[in-house]
N, C-alpha and C. Protein backbone atom coordinates (compact mmCIF):
# COMPACT_ATOMS: atom_id res chain seq x y z
N MET A 1 4.69 -25.54 1.69
CA MET A 1 4.78 -25.24 0.27
C MET A 1 5.39 -23.73 0.26
N ASP A 2 6.59 -23.58 -0.44
CA ASP A 2 7.24 -22.35 -0.10
C ASP A 2 6.64 -21.28 -1.41
N ARG A 3 7.13 -20.14 -1.28
CA ARG A 3 6.59 -19.03 -2.25
C ARG A 3 6.70 -19.38 -3.70
N TRP A 4 7.95 -19.95 -4.11
CA TRP A 4 8.15 -20.23 -5.44
C TRP A 4 7.21 -21.44 -6.03
N THR A 5 6.98 -22.45 -4.98
CA THR A 5 6.04 -23.45 -5.45
C THR A 5 4.51 -22.92 -5.70
N ASP A 6 4.32 -21.89 -4.64
CA ASP A 6 2.90 -21.27 -5.03
C ASP A 6 2.81 -20.62 -6.33
N GLU A 7 3.86 -19.97 -6.70
CA GLU A 7 3.85 -19.07 -7.91
C GLU A 7 3.99 -20.14 -9.26
N ARG A 8 4.75 -21.10 -8.89
CA ARG A 8 4.88 -22.02 -9.94
C ARG A 8 3.39 -22.68 -10.30
N ALA A 9 2.79 -22.94 -9.21
CA ALA A 9 1.27 -23.58 -9.52
C ALA A 9 0.43 -22.65 -10.09
N ALA A 10 0.62 -21.16 -9.61
CA ALA A 10 -0.26 -20.23 -10.48
C ALA A 10 -0.09 -20.27 -11.93
N GLU A 11 1.17 -20.27 -12.28
CA GLU A 11 1.60 -20.30 -13.68
C GLU A 11 1.11 -21.56 -14.37
N GLU A 12 0.99 -22.83 -13.73
CA GLU A 12 0.66 -23.96 -14.27
C GLU A 12 -0.87 -24.09 -14.64
N ARG A 13 -1.72 -23.34 -13.69
CA ARG A 13 -2.99 -23.12 -13.82
C ARG A 13 -3.40 -22.40 -15.03
N THR A 14 -2.74 -21.37 -15.52
CA THR A 14 -2.79 -20.71 -16.55
C THR A 14 -2.24 -21.08 -17.80
N SER A 15 -1.41 -22.05 -17.77
CA SER A 15 -0.65 -22.48 -18.99
C SER A 15 -1.56 -23.02 -20.01
N ALA A 16 -2.66 -23.62 -19.77
CA ALA A 16 -3.76 -23.99 -20.75
C ALA A 16 -4.02 -22.91 -21.60
N ILE A 17 -4.31 -21.54 -21.11
CA ILE A 17 -4.66 -20.54 -21.84
C ILE A 17 -3.53 -19.85 -22.65
N THR A 18 -2.37 -19.67 -21.80
CA THR A 18 -1.28 -18.93 -22.35
C THR A 18 0.00 -19.86 -22.13
N PRO A 19 0.25 -20.75 -22.82
CA PRO A 19 1.31 -21.83 -22.83
C PRO A 19 2.77 -21.20 -22.92
N ALA A 20 3.09 -20.13 -21.97
CA ALA A 20 4.33 -19.55 -22.20
C ALA A 20 5.40 -20.24 -21.31
N ILE A 21 5.02 -21.23 -20.33
CA ILE A 21 6.11 -21.66 -19.32
C ILE A 21 5.98 -23.15 -19.56
N THR A 22 7.02 -23.76 -19.81
CA THR A 22 7.11 -25.29 -19.97
C THR A 22 7.80 -25.89 -18.71
N SER A 23 8.03 -27.18 -18.74
CA SER A 23 8.70 -27.85 -17.61
C SER A 23 10.12 -27.88 -17.79
N HIS A 24 10.71 -27.29 -18.82
CA HIS A 24 12.28 -27.37 -18.66
C HIS A 24 12.86 -26.57 -17.79
N PRO A 25 13.79 -26.94 -17.23
CA PRO A 25 14.31 -26.27 -15.96
C PRO A 25 15.02 -24.85 -16.49
N GLU A 26 15.51 -24.76 -17.60
CA GLU A 26 16.23 -23.48 -18.01
C GLU A 26 15.03 -22.45 -18.14
N GLN A 27 13.87 -22.95 -18.76
CA GLN A 27 12.65 -21.89 -18.82
C GLN A 27 12.21 -21.37 -17.47
N VAL A 28 12.12 -22.32 -16.59
CA VAL A 28 11.62 -22.09 -15.29
C VAL A 28 12.65 -20.93 -14.69
N TRP A 29 13.89 -21.14 -14.79
CA TRP A 29 14.77 -20.32 -14.34
C TRP A 29 14.90 -19.10 -14.91
N ALA A 30 14.60 -19.13 -16.18
CA ALA A 30 14.42 -17.69 -16.90
C ALA A 30 13.23 -16.90 -16.50
N SER A 31 12.19 -17.61 -16.26
CA SER A 31 11.04 -17.13 -15.74
C SER A 31 11.19 -16.37 -14.37
N ARG A 32 11.81 -17.10 -13.62
CA ARG A 32 12.17 -16.58 -12.27
C ARG A 32 12.79 -15.15 -12.45
N ALA A 33 14.11 -15.28 -13.17
CA ALA A 33 14.82 -14.06 -13.44
C ALA A 33 13.93 -12.89 -13.79
N VAL A 34 12.98 -13.11 -14.88
CA VAL A 34 12.39 -12.01 -15.40
C VAL A 34 11.23 -11.43 -14.14
N ILE A 35 10.67 -12.52 -13.43
CA ILE A 35 9.79 -12.12 -12.28
C ILE A 35 10.53 -11.27 -11.36
N GLU A 36 11.80 -11.69 -10.94
CA GLU A 36 12.72 -10.91 -10.12
C GLU A 36 13.00 -9.53 -10.57
N ARG A 37 13.33 -9.52 -11.79
CA ARG A 37 13.53 -8.06 -12.43
C ARG A 37 12.22 -7.22 -12.30
N ALA A 38 11.05 -7.61 -12.70
CA ALA A 38 9.86 -6.93 -12.66
C ALA A 38 9.49 -6.52 -11.14
N THR A 39 9.74 -7.54 -10.24
CA THR A 39 9.40 -7.33 -8.81
C THR A 39 10.27 -5.93 -8.41
N GLY A 40 11.60 -5.86 -8.82
CA GLY A 40 12.51 -4.78 -8.36
C GLY A 40 11.80 -3.47 -9.16
N VAL A 41 11.48 -3.61 -10.30
CA VAL A 41 10.89 -2.35 -10.97
C VAL A 41 9.68 -1.86 -10.06
N LEU A 42 8.66 -2.97 -9.87
CA LEU A 42 7.42 -2.43 -9.07
C LEU A 42 7.85 -1.92 -7.65
N MET A 43 8.84 -2.54 -7.08
CA MET A 43 9.33 -1.97 -5.82
C MET A 43 9.83 -0.56 -5.93
N GLU A 44 10.39 -0.21 -6.85
CA GLU A 44 11.00 1.30 -7.06
C GLU A 44 9.85 2.10 -7.46
N ARG A 45 8.99 1.61 -8.45
CA ARG A 45 7.96 2.38 -9.10
C ARG A 45 6.74 2.82 -8.01
N HIS A 46 6.53 1.73 -7.09
CA HIS A 46 5.34 2.00 -6.41
C HIS A 46 5.63 1.97 -4.83
N ARG A 47 7.08 2.04 -4.47
CA ARG A 47 7.41 1.89 -3.08
C ARG A 47 6.85 0.83 -2.21
N LEU A 48 7.05 -0.23 -2.91
CA LEU A 48 6.56 -1.42 -2.44
C LEU A 48 7.88 -2.39 -1.73
N ASP A 49 7.60 -3.32 -0.72
CA ASP A 49 8.62 -3.97 -0.48
C ASP A 49 8.43 -5.29 -1.34
N ALA A 50 9.54 -6.27 -1.21
CA ALA A 50 9.63 -7.45 -2.23
C ALA A 50 8.42 -8.38 -2.06
N ASP A 51 8.04 -8.60 -0.90
CA ASP A 51 6.86 -9.63 -0.70
C ASP A 51 5.64 -8.97 -1.45
N ARG A 52 5.46 -7.67 -1.29
CA ARG A 52 4.26 -6.88 -1.71
C ARG A 52 4.27 -7.02 -3.26
N ALA A 53 5.40 -6.52 -3.64
CA ALA A 53 5.64 -6.54 -5.16
C ALA A 53 5.38 -7.98 -5.88
N LYS A 54 5.75 -9.19 -5.18
CA LYS A 54 5.68 -10.33 -5.82
C LYS A 54 4.13 -10.73 -5.55
N GLU A 55 3.53 -10.41 -4.53
CA GLU A 55 2.09 -10.50 -4.47
C GLU A 55 1.17 -9.93 -5.39
N LEU A 56 1.77 -8.73 -5.79
CA LEU A 56 0.98 -7.93 -6.78
C LEU A 56 0.96 -8.67 -8.17
N LEU A 57 2.24 -9.06 -8.52
CA LEU A 57 2.20 -9.93 -9.74
C LEU A 57 1.39 -11.12 -9.76
N LEU A 58 1.43 -11.75 -8.59
CA LEU A 58 0.63 -13.13 -8.48
C LEU A 58 -1.04 -12.70 -8.54
N GLU A 59 -1.28 -11.73 -7.82
CA GLU A 59 -2.80 -11.30 -7.97
C GLU A 59 -3.05 -10.81 -9.46
N ALA A 60 -2.29 -10.29 -10.20
CA ALA A 60 -2.69 -9.82 -11.41
C ALA A 60 -2.78 -10.87 -12.33
N SER A 61 -1.87 -12.13 -11.97
CA SER A 61 -1.88 -13.18 -12.85
C SER A 61 -3.26 -13.89 -12.66
N ARG A 62 -3.83 -13.88 -11.47
CA ARG A 62 -4.95 -14.52 -11.08
C ARG A 62 -6.26 -13.87 -11.82
N ARG A 63 -6.11 -12.38 -11.70
CA ARG A 63 -7.09 -11.60 -12.31
C ARG A 63 -7.39 -11.71 -13.87
N THR A 64 -6.06 -11.99 -14.34
CA THR A 64 -6.08 -11.74 -15.84
C THR A 64 -5.88 -13.29 -16.56
N SER A 65 -5.74 -14.25 -15.83
CA SER A 65 -5.46 -15.60 -16.51
C SER A 65 -4.22 -15.49 -17.25
N ARG A 66 -3.28 -14.72 -17.00
CA ARG A 66 -2.05 -14.68 -17.76
C ARG A 66 -0.92 -15.17 -16.72
N THR A 67 0.21 -15.52 -17.20
CA THR A 67 1.27 -16.15 -16.40
C THR A 67 1.96 -14.93 -15.60
N MET A 68 2.48 -15.08 -14.66
CA MET A 68 3.41 -14.15 -14.10
C MET A 68 4.56 -13.77 -14.93
N ARG A 69 5.09 -14.55 -15.64
CA ARG A 69 6.20 -14.24 -16.56
C ARG A 69 5.77 -13.22 -17.56
N GLN A 70 4.48 -13.43 -18.09
CA GLN A 70 3.94 -12.52 -19.19
C GLN A 70 3.70 -11.05 -18.49
N LEU A 71 3.14 -11.16 -17.48
CA LEU A 71 2.85 -9.85 -16.70
C LEU A 71 4.26 -9.10 -16.43
N ALA A 72 5.14 -10.10 -16.01
CA ALA A 72 6.39 -9.37 -15.74
C ALA A 72 7.25 -8.82 -16.79
N GLU A 73 7.16 -9.50 -17.93
CA GLU A 73 7.60 -9.05 -19.18
C GLU A 73 6.84 -7.61 -19.58
N ASP A 74 5.56 -7.57 -19.46
CA ASP A 74 4.76 -6.19 -19.78
C ASP A 74 5.17 -5.14 -18.78
N VAL A 75 5.46 -5.37 -17.68
CA VAL A 75 6.09 -4.42 -16.59
C VAL A 75 7.41 -3.94 -17.01
N LEU A 76 8.28 -4.82 -17.49
CA LEU A 76 9.78 -4.41 -17.77
C LEU A 76 9.65 -3.60 -19.20
N ALA A 77 8.75 -4.09 -19.87
CA ALA A 77 8.67 -3.32 -21.38
C ALA A 77 8.02 -1.96 -21.24
N SER A 78 7.38 -1.67 -20.11
CA SER A 78 6.51 -0.36 -19.98
C SER A 78 7.25 0.66 -19.05
N GLY A 79 6.65 1.89 -19.12
CA GLY A 79 6.97 3.01 -18.14
C GLY A 79 5.80 2.88 -17.06
N SER A 80 5.84 3.63 -16.10
CA SER A 80 4.76 3.72 -15.02
C SER A 80 3.46 3.96 -15.57
N VAL A 81 3.24 4.71 -16.64
CA VAL A 81 2.07 5.07 -17.30
C VAL A 81 1.38 4.00 -18.14
N GLY A 82 2.45 3.21 -18.79
CA GLY A 82 1.95 2.16 -19.67
C GLY A 82 1.98 0.85 -19.28
N GLU A 83 2.18 0.69 -17.74
CA GLU A 83 2.19 -0.77 -17.39
C GLU A 83 0.77 -1.39 -17.46
N PRO A 84 0.69 -2.85 -17.26
CA PRO A 84 -0.69 -3.35 -17.42
C PRO A 84 -1.74 -2.66 -16.31
N PRO A 85 -2.81 -2.34 -16.79
CA PRO A 85 -3.84 -1.49 -15.99
C PRO A 85 -4.30 -2.41 -14.73
N VAL A 86 -4.12 -3.68 -14.67
CA VAL A 86 -4.57 -4.51 -13.71
C VAL A 86 -3.58 -4.04 -12.42
N ILE A 87 -2.27 -3.70 -12.59
CA ILE A 87 -1.37 -3.33 -11.70
C ILE A 87 -2.13 -2.28 -10.82
N ARG A 88 -2.37 -1.05 -11.60
CA ARG A 88 -2.89 0.05 -11.08
C ARG A 88 -4.33 -0.29 -10.09
N GLN A 89 -5.13 -0.90 -10.89
CA GLN A 89 -6.35 -1.34 -10.39
C GLN A 89 -6.17 -2.00 -8.98
N ILE A 90 -5.26 -3.11 -8.77
CA ILE A 90 -5.14 -3.68 -7.56
C ILE A 90 -4.60 -2.73 -6.57
N LEU A 91 -3.54 -1.81 -6.97
CA LEU A 91 -2.89 -0.76 -6.01
C LEU A 91 -4.10 0.20 -5.48
N GLU A 92 -4.89 0.52 -6.41
CA GLU A 92 -5.92 1.62 -5.91
C GLU A 92 -6.99 0.73 -4.93
N ALA A 93 -7.10 -0.37 -5.29
CA ALA A 93 -8.18 -1.15 -4.40
C ALA A 93 -7.59 -1.25 -3.00
N ALA A 94 -6.24 -1.56 -2.84
CA ALA A 94 -5.64 -1.77 -1.68
C ALA A 94 -5.58 -0.43 -0.81
N SER A 95 -5.37 0.67 -1.73
CA SER A 95 -5.16 1.92 -0.86
C SER A 95 -6.33 2.38 -0.21
N THR A 96 -7.62 1.88 -0.53
CA THR A 96 -8.77 2.25 0.10
C THR A 96 -9.26 1.39 1.25
N SER A 97 -8.07 0.91 1.79
CA SER A 97 -8.00 -0.12 2.90
C SER A 97 -8.99 0.58 4.24
N PRO A 98 -9.55 -0.28 4.95
CA PRO A 98 -10.09 0.28 6.11
C PRO A 98 -9.10 1.28 7.02
N ALA A 99 -7.83 0.86 6.97
CA ALA A 99 -6.88 1.64 7.78
C ALA A 99 -6.99 3.12 7.24
N LEU A 100 -6.80 3.37 5.91
CA LEU A 100 -6.85 4.55 5.44
C LEU A 100 -8.18 5.28 5.69
N LEU A 101 -9.15 4.75 5.51
CA LEU A 101 -10.52 5.27 5.90
C LEU A 101 -10.53 5.69 7.36
N ARG A 102 -10.10 5.01 8.19
CA ARG A 102 -10.16 5.36 9.62
C ARG A 102 -9.21 6.55 9.84
N ALA A 103 -7.97 6.57 9.13
CA ALA A 103 -7.09 7.72 9.13
C ALA A 103 -8.00 8.92 8.76
N ALA A 104 -8.64 8.90 7.65
CA ALA A 104 -9.14 9.97 7.14
C ALA A 104 -10.31 10.49 8.16
N ALA A 105 -10.97 9.68 8.82
CA ALA A 105 -12.18 10.00 9.53
C ALA A 105 -11.71 10.39 10.71
N PHE A 106 -10.57 10.09 11.33
CA PHE A 106 -9.80 10.65 12.55
C PHE A 106 -9.47 12.09 12.43
N ILE A 107 -8.76 12.26 11.15
CA ILE A 107 -8.40 13.66 10.86
C ILE A 107 -9.59 14.62 10.81
N GLU A 108 -10.63 14.26 10.10
CA GLU A 108 -11.75 15.22 9.86
C GLU A 108 -12.49 15.32 11.30
N SER A 109 -12.48 14.45 12.25
CA SER A 109 -13.18 14.59 13.47
C SER A 109 -12.20 15.29 14.53
N ALA A 110 -10.81 15.30 14.19
CA ALA A 110 -10.04 15.92 15.19
C ALA A 110 -9.20 17.32 14.66
N ALA A 111 -9.80 17.74 13.45
CA ALA A 111 -9.00 18.81 12.76
C ALA A 111 -8.91 20.08 13.67
N GLY A 112 -9.81 20.30 14.49
CA GLY A 112 -9.90 21.50 15.34
C GLY A 112 -8.81 21.55 16.43
N ARG A 113 -7.92 20.60 16.52
CA ARG A 113 -7.02 20.57 17.62
C ARG A 113 -5.82 20.12 16.96
N PRO A 114 -4.62 20.42 17.72
CA PRO A 114 -3.28 19.82 17.21
C PRO A 114 -3.22 18.33 17.00
N ILE A 115 -2.79 17.93 15.84
CA ILE A 115 -2.59 16.49 15.65
C ILE A 115 -1.24 16.15 15.12
N ARG A 116 -0.63 14.95 15.88
CA ARG A 116 0.56 14.58 15.27
C ARG A 116 0.41 13.31 14.35
N LEU A 117 1.50 13.24 13.58
CA LEU A 117 1.24 12.00 12.48
C LEU A 117 1.13 10.71 13.27
N SER A 118 1.70 10.58 14.31
CA SER A 118 1.81 9.35 15.21
C SER A 118 0.39 9.19 15.59
N GLU A 119 -0.33 10.03 16.06
CA GLU A 119 -1.91 9.78 16.41
C GLU A 119 -2.68 9.46 15.27
N VAL A 120 -2.43 9.99 14.18
CA VAL A 120 -3.12 9.34 12.92
C VAL A 120 -2.87 8.08 12.69
N ALA A 121 -1.59 7.48 12.88
CA ALA A 121 -1.25 6.33 12.43
C ALA A 121 -1.85 5.44 13.58
N GLU A 122 -1.77 5.88 14.65
CA GLU A 122 -2.42 4.92 15.88
C GLU A 122 -3.91 4.70 15.63
N ALA A 123 -4.63 5.87 15.24
CA ALA A 123 -6.07 5.72 14.95
C ALA A 123 -6.18 4.99 13.85
N ALA A 124 -5.47 4.83 12.74
CA ALA A 124 -5.67 3.99 11.66
C ALA A 124 -5.25 2.46 11.92
N GLY A 125 -4.25 2.17 12.86
CA GLY A 125 -3.85 0.86 13.17
C GLY A 125 -2.77 0.38 12.28
N ILE A 126 -2.15 1.46 11.74
CA ILE A 126 -0.85 0.96 10.82
C ILE A 126 0.30 1.83 11.10
N GLY A 127 1.58 1.48 10.62
CA GLY A 127 2.59 2.27 10.70
C GLY A 127 2.62 3.70 10.17
N GLU A 128 3.39 4.50 10.51
CA GLU A 128 3.56 5.93 9.78
C GLU A 128 4.01 5.79 8.57
N ARG A 129 4.98 5.03 8.06
CA ARG A 129 5.55 4.75 6.75
C ARG A 129 4.50 4.33 5.98
N ALA A 130 3.55 3.17 6.33
CA ALA A 130 2.57 2.60 5.32
C ALA A 130 1.48 3.84 5.26
N LEU A 131 1.20 4.55 6.28
CA LEU A 131 0.21 5.44 6.39
C LEU A 131 0.61 6.65 5.30
N GLN A 132 1.76 7.07 5.13
CA GLN A 132 2.27 8.13 4.33
C GLN A 132 2.14 7.58 2.91
N TYR A 133 2.63 6.48 2.67
CA TYR A 133 2.55 5.94 1.23
C TYR A 133 1.10 5.67 0.76
N GLY A 134 0.19 5.26 1.68
CA GLY A 134 -1.16 4.96 1.44
C GLY A 134 -1.87 6.27 0.99
N PHE A 135 -1.59 7.45 1.85
CA PHE A 135 -2.28 8.70 1.50
C PHE A 135 -2.01 9.26 0.22
N VAL A 136 -0.48 9.14 -0.09
CA VAL A 136 0.05 9.76 -1.30
C VAL A 136 -0.63 9.03 -2.43
N ARG A 137 -0.77 7.77 -2.38
CA ARG A 137 -1.16 6.88 -3.41
C ARG A 137 -2.62 7.10 -3.64
N TYR A 138 -3.51 7.32 -2.57
CA TYR A 138 -4.91 7.36 -2.79
C TYR A 138 -5.45 8.85 -2.70
N TYR A 139 -4.99 9.68 -1.84
CA TYR A 139 -5.49 11.01 -1.81
C TYR A 139 -4.68 12.06 -2.46
N GLY A 140 -3.38 11.61 -2.90
CA GLY A 140 -2.56 12.54 -3.64
C GLY A 140 -2.04 13.51 -2.68
N THR A 141 -1.81 13.21 -1.62
CA THR A 141 -1.16 14.20 -0.45
C THR A 141 -0.70 13.37 0.77
N THR A 142 0.02 13.98 1.56
CA THR A 142 0.32 13.21 2.86
C THR A 142 -0.77 13.46 3.95
N PRO A 143 -0.69 12.78 5.01
CA PRO A 143 -1.75 12.87 5.95
C PRO A 143 -1.74 14.27 6.45
N MET A 144 -0.60 15.03 6.72
CA MET A 144 -0.50 16.31 7.16
C MET A 144 -1.15 17.29 6.07
N GLY A 145 -0.79 16.90 4.88
CA GLY A 145 -1.52 17.76 3.75
C GLY A 145 -3.00 17.52 3.69
N TYR A 146 -3.43 16.45 4.03
CA TYR A 146 -4.93 16.21 4.12
C TYR A 146 -5.47 16.94 5.17
N LEU A 147 -4.84 17.07 6.41
CA LEU A 147 -5.21 17.76 7.45
C LEU A 147 -5.41 19.24 7.05
N ARG A 148 -4.24 19.83 6.40
CA ARG A 148 -4.44 21.15 6.07
C ARG A 148 -5.55 21.57 5.25
N ALA A 149 -5.90 20.53 4.29
CA ALA A 149 -7.09 20.62 3.48
C ALA A 149 -8.29 20.68 4.17
N VAL A 150 -8.36 19.94 5.07
CA VAL A 150 -9.73 19.86 5.78
C VAL A 150 -9.93 21.11 6.72
N ARG A 151 -8.60 21.45 7.23
CA ARG A 151 -8.82 22.81 8.04
C ARG A 151 -9.18 23.98 7.29
N LEU A 152 -8.63 23.84 6.08
CA LEU A 152 -8.79 25.19 5.19
C LEU A 152 -10.29 25.35 4.83
N GLU A 153 -10.99 23.98 4.50
CA GLU A 153 -12.16 24.04 4.09
C GLU A 153 -13.13 24.40 5.09
N ARG A 154 -12.78 23.96 6.43
CA ARG A 154 -13.50 24.33 7.59
C ARG A 154 -13.48 25.83 7.83
N ALA A 155 -12.33 26.43 7.65
CA ALA A 155 -12.17 27.84 7.75
C ALA A 155 -13.10 28.57 6.75
N HIS A 156 -13.11 28.15 5.50
CA HIS A 156 -13.81 28.55 4.38
C HIS A 156 -15.47 28.66 4.81
N ARG A 157 -15.88 27.66 5.29
CA ARG A 157 -17.31 27.47 5.75
C ARG A 157 -17.56 28.52 7.04
N GLU A 158 -16.66 28.55 7.85
CA GLU A 158 -16.89 29.63 8.95
C GLU A 158 -17.02 31.19 8.33
N LEU A 159 -16.05 31.41 7.36
CA LEU A 159 -16.09 32.84 6.85
C LEU A 159 -17.29 32.88 6.11
N LEU A 160 -17.84 31.85 5.40
CA LEU A 160 -19.03 32.12 4.72
C LEU A 160 -20.17 32.39 5.63
N ALA A 161 -20.09 31.71 6.72
CA ALA A 161 -21.28 31.79 7.67
C ALA A 161 -21.30 32.85 8.46
N ALA A 162 -20.23 33.66 8.60
CA ALA A 162 -20.27 34.91 9.31
C ALA A 162 -21.30 35.85 8.92
N GLU A 163 -21.81 36.57 10.01
CA GLU A 163 -22.95 37.62 9.78
C GLU A 163 -22.33 38.96 9.91
N PRO A 164 -22.83 39.97 9.40
CA PRO A 164 -22.42 41.38 9.91
C PRO A 164 -22.51 41.53 11.23
N GLY A 165 -21.59 42.30 11.87
CA GLY A 165 -21.77 42.76 13.39
C GLY A 165 -21.33 41.57 14.34
N ASP A 166 -20.91 40.47 13.89
CA ASP A 166 -20.63 39.41 14.88
C ASP A 166 -19.23 39.46 15.19
N GLY A 167 -18.40 40.32 14.71
CA GLY A 167 -16.93 40.40 15.13
C GLY A 167 -16.07 39.55 14.76
N VAL A 168 -16.49 38.63 13.66
CA VAL A 168 -15.52 37.65 13.21
C VAL A 168 -14.42 38.30 12.32
N THR A 169 -13.11 37.82 12.68
CA THR A 169 -11.96 38.25 11.85
C THR A 169 -11.23 37.07 11.20
N VAL A 170 -10.58 37.39 10.17
CA VAL A 170 -9.84 36.50 9.34
C VAL A 170 -8.67 35.79 10.28
N ALA A 171 -8.17 36.74 11.13
CA ALA A 171 -7.05 36.26 11.83
C ALA A 171 -7.41 35.02 12.82
N GLU A 172 -8.67 35.47 13.44
CA GLU A 172 -9.30 34.58 14.39
C GLU A 172 -9.72 33.10 13.87
N VAL A 173 -10.25 33.27 12.70
CA VAL A 173 -10.63 31.99 12.02
C VAL A 173 -9.45 31.17 11.67
N ALA A 174 -8.37 32.00 11.05
CA ALA A 174 -7.26 31.35 10.89
C ALA A 174 -6.61 30.53 11.96
N ALA A 175 -6.63 31.22 13.12
CA ALA A 175 -5.94 30.71 14.19
C ALA A 175 -6.65 29.42 14.80
N ARG A 176 -8.04 29.59 14.73
CA ARG A 176 -8.92 28.47 15.19
C ARG A 176 -8.62 27.30 14.57
N TRP A 177 -8.21 27.33 13.28
CA TRP A 177 -8.01 26.04 12.53
C TRP A 177 -6.68 25.86 12.14
N GLY A 178 -5.78 26.30 13.13
CA GLY A 178 -4.48 25.93 13.15
C GLY A 178 -3.41 26.56 12.19
N PHE A 179 -3.95 27.76 11.70
CA PHE A 179 -2.97 28.35 10.78
C PHE A 179 -2.35 29.58 11.61
N SER A 180 -1.10 29.38 11.98
CA SER A 180 -0.44 30.26 12.75
C SER A 180 -0.12 31.64 12.09
N SER A 181 0.13 31.64 10.81
CA SER A 181 0.30 33.00 9.91
C SER A 181 -0.83 33.25 9.24
N SER A 182 -1.37 34.44 9.33
CA SER A 182 -2.48 34.96 8.60
C SER A 182 -2.25 35.15 7.08
N GLY A 183 -0.92 35.52 7.05
CA GLY A 183 -0.43 35.70 5.54
C GLY A 183 -0.40 34.43 4.77
N ARG A 184 0.13 33.50 5.47
CA ARG A 184 0.35 32.10 4.80
C ARG A 184 -1.10 31.50 4.59
N PHE A 185 -2.10 31.71 5.51
CA PHE A 185 -3.32 31.26 5.40
C PHE A 185 -4.10 31.82 4.17
N ALA A 186 -3.85 33.26 4.11
CA ALA A 186 -4.52 33.97 3.03
C ALA A 186 -4.11 33.54 1.70
N ALA A 187 -2.61 33.09 1.58
CA ALA A 187 -2.06 32.73 0.37
C ALA A 187 -2.68 31.35 -0.07
N GLN A 188 -2.83 30.46 0.83
CA GLN A 188 -3.31 29.14 0.66
C GLN A 188 -4.85 29.17 0.27
N TYR A 189 -5.46 29.95 0.96
CA TYR A 189 -6.89 30.23 0.77
C TYR A 189 -7.26 30.70 -0.72
N ARG A 190 -6.42 31.77 -0.99
CA ARG A 190 -6.63 32.28 -2.43
C ARG A 190 -6.31 31.36 -3.51
N ALA A 191 -5.20 30.49 -3.22
CA ALA A 191 -4.90 29.32 -4.25
C ALA A 191 -6.03 28.46 -4.60
N VAL A 192 -6.67 28.04 -3.48
CA VAL A 192 -7.90 27.21 -3.59
C VAL A 192 -9.06 27.73 -3.96
N TYR A 193 -9.59 28.78 -3.44
CA TYR A 193 -10.80 29.54 -3.64
C TYR A 193 -10.78 30.59 -4.63
N GLY A 194 -9.75 31.21 -5.08
CA GLY A 194 -9.64 32.14 -6.10
C GLY A 194 -9.90 33.64 -5.43
N ARG A 195 -9.88 33.94 -4.35
CA ARG A 195 -10.33 35.02 -3.66
C ARG A 195 -9.67 35.24 -2.19
N THR A 196 -9.46 36.40 -1.72
CA THR A 196 -8.88 36.38 -0.35
C THR A 196 -10.04 36.05 0.58
N PRO A 197 -9.53 35.51 1.91
CA PRO A 197 -10.38 35.28 2.96
C PRO A 197 -11.32 36.52 3.47
N HIS A 198 -10.61 37.68 3.20
CA HIS A 198 -11.19 38.92 3.70
C HIS A 198 -12.41 39.15 2.65
N ARG A 199 -12.24 38.90 1.60
CA ARG A 199 -13.50 39.08 0.43
C ARG A 199 -14.57 38.26 0.83
N THR A 200 -14.26 36.80 1.08
CA THR A 200 -15.26 36.09 1.61
C THR A 200 -16.02 36.52 2.66
N LEU A 201 -15.33 37.03 3.75
CA LEU A 201 -15.94 37.34 5.13
C LEU A 201 -16.90 38.47 4.91
N ASN A 202 -16.46 39.46 4.06
CA ASN A 202 -17.17 40.72 3.86
C ASN A 202 -18.12 40.93 2.76
N GLU A 203 -18.24 39.76 2.06
CA GLU A 203 -19.10 40.05 0.79
C GLU A 203 -20.48 40.18 1.23
N HIS A 204 -21.05 39.87 2.27
CA HIS A 204 -22.54 40.18 2.52
C HIS A 204 -22.59 41.31 3.50
N ARG A 205 -21.55 41.93 3.72
CA ARG A 205 -21.82 43.10 4.76
C ARG A 205 -22.20 44.32 3.96
N PRO A 206 -23.00 45.29 4.62
CA PRO A 206 -23.68 46.38 3.76
C PRO A 206 -22.47 47.29 3.10
N ARG A 207 -22.95 47.68 2.04
CA ARG A 207 -21.87 48.50 1.26
C ARG A 207 -22.04 50.10 1.65
N ARG A 208 -21.11 50.89 1.57
CA ARG A 208 -21.16 52.24 1.64
C ARG A 208 -21.48 52.78 0.34
N PRO A 209 -21.91 54.16 0.25
CA PRO A 209 -22.06 54.72 -1.07
C PRO A 209 -20.86 54.83 -2.01
N ASP A 210 -19.60 54.67 -1.25
CA ASP A 210 -18.45 54.80 -2.11
C ASP A 210 -17.96 53.40 -2.64
N GLY A 211 -18.84 52.33 -2.33
CA GLY A 211 -18.56 51.05 -2.95
C GLY A 211 -17.70 50.23 -1.95
N GLY A 212 -17.30 50.89 -0.71
CA GLY A 212 -16.62 50.14 0.30
C GLY A 212 -17.61 49.51 1.22
N ARG A 213 -17.02 48.65 2.11
CA ARG A 213 -17.86 48.00 3.00
C ARG A 213 -17.97 48.73 4.38
N ALA A 214 -18.82 48.36 5.23
CA ALA A 214 -19.09 49.18 6.52
C ALA A 214 -17.93 49.27 7.34
N ASP A 215 -17.03 48.00 7.31
CA ASP A 215 -15.85 47.97 8.08
C ASP A 215 -14.68 48.67 7.47
N GLY A 216 -14.89 49.16 6.24
CA GLY A 216 -13.66 49.87 5.64
C GLY A 216 -12.95 49.18 4.65
N SER A 217 -13.45 47.78 4.38
CA SER A 217 -12.69 46.97 3.41
C SER A 217 -13.29 47.41 1.98
N THR A 218 -12.47 46.96 1.08
CA THR A 218 -13.12 46.96 -0.22
C THR A 218 -13.44 45.64 -1.16
N GLU A 219 -13.90 45.88 -2.23
CA GLU A 219 -14.29 44.58 -3.03
C GLU A 219 -13.17 43.90 -3.49
N ASN A 220 -11.97 44.70 -3.70
CA ASN A 220 -10.69 44.12 -4.26
C ASN A 220 -9.92 43.33 -3.10
N GLU A 221 -10.30 43.38 -1.91
CA GLU A 221 -9.39 42.66 -0.95
C GLU A 221 -9.47 41.28 -1.13
């Protein structure tokens, strides 16, 4: 049984509810044309291959008891924001696959050492391209962007935990978490936490009478 036979069977199962497809050959071919066009839209819109886009329409048909042609027409009539909600629901469910969870767990466990994209893909058990698409779709960033966010959060924790007199410096913390440029680290840190890393590091150090810190820094750093 080929793919089109499977899809035709799916349409026939739902025809009692939504009788949009009949046995007339011209209507069958018209339906195929509409589905092919919608498949192309989904491929471009969600960066899918042809098989995955067709499977997406078929799964949406099963979930909603609507024919593939009806869903295809909805896709063609909508923009990416207005497409049938079931499309996004299926994509989001797929993006939380065990492979993505394995990749995220690997990144978080190995964030303290240099990591290559190929290592993350190997730990996840999927290709680099699929890994990139999955992260962007689910986490809103690339695997390497996710790694930077994890490292920034770990550096933040370390700065918060530093005690007066322990000799911790921002440059050391930044380097330990893979930030080769202290200036770039400071800019990224401030964008996320709304303050400089120096201020976080020094906020519980003893104040001098002039309002500065014991190490010579000030509250505005």
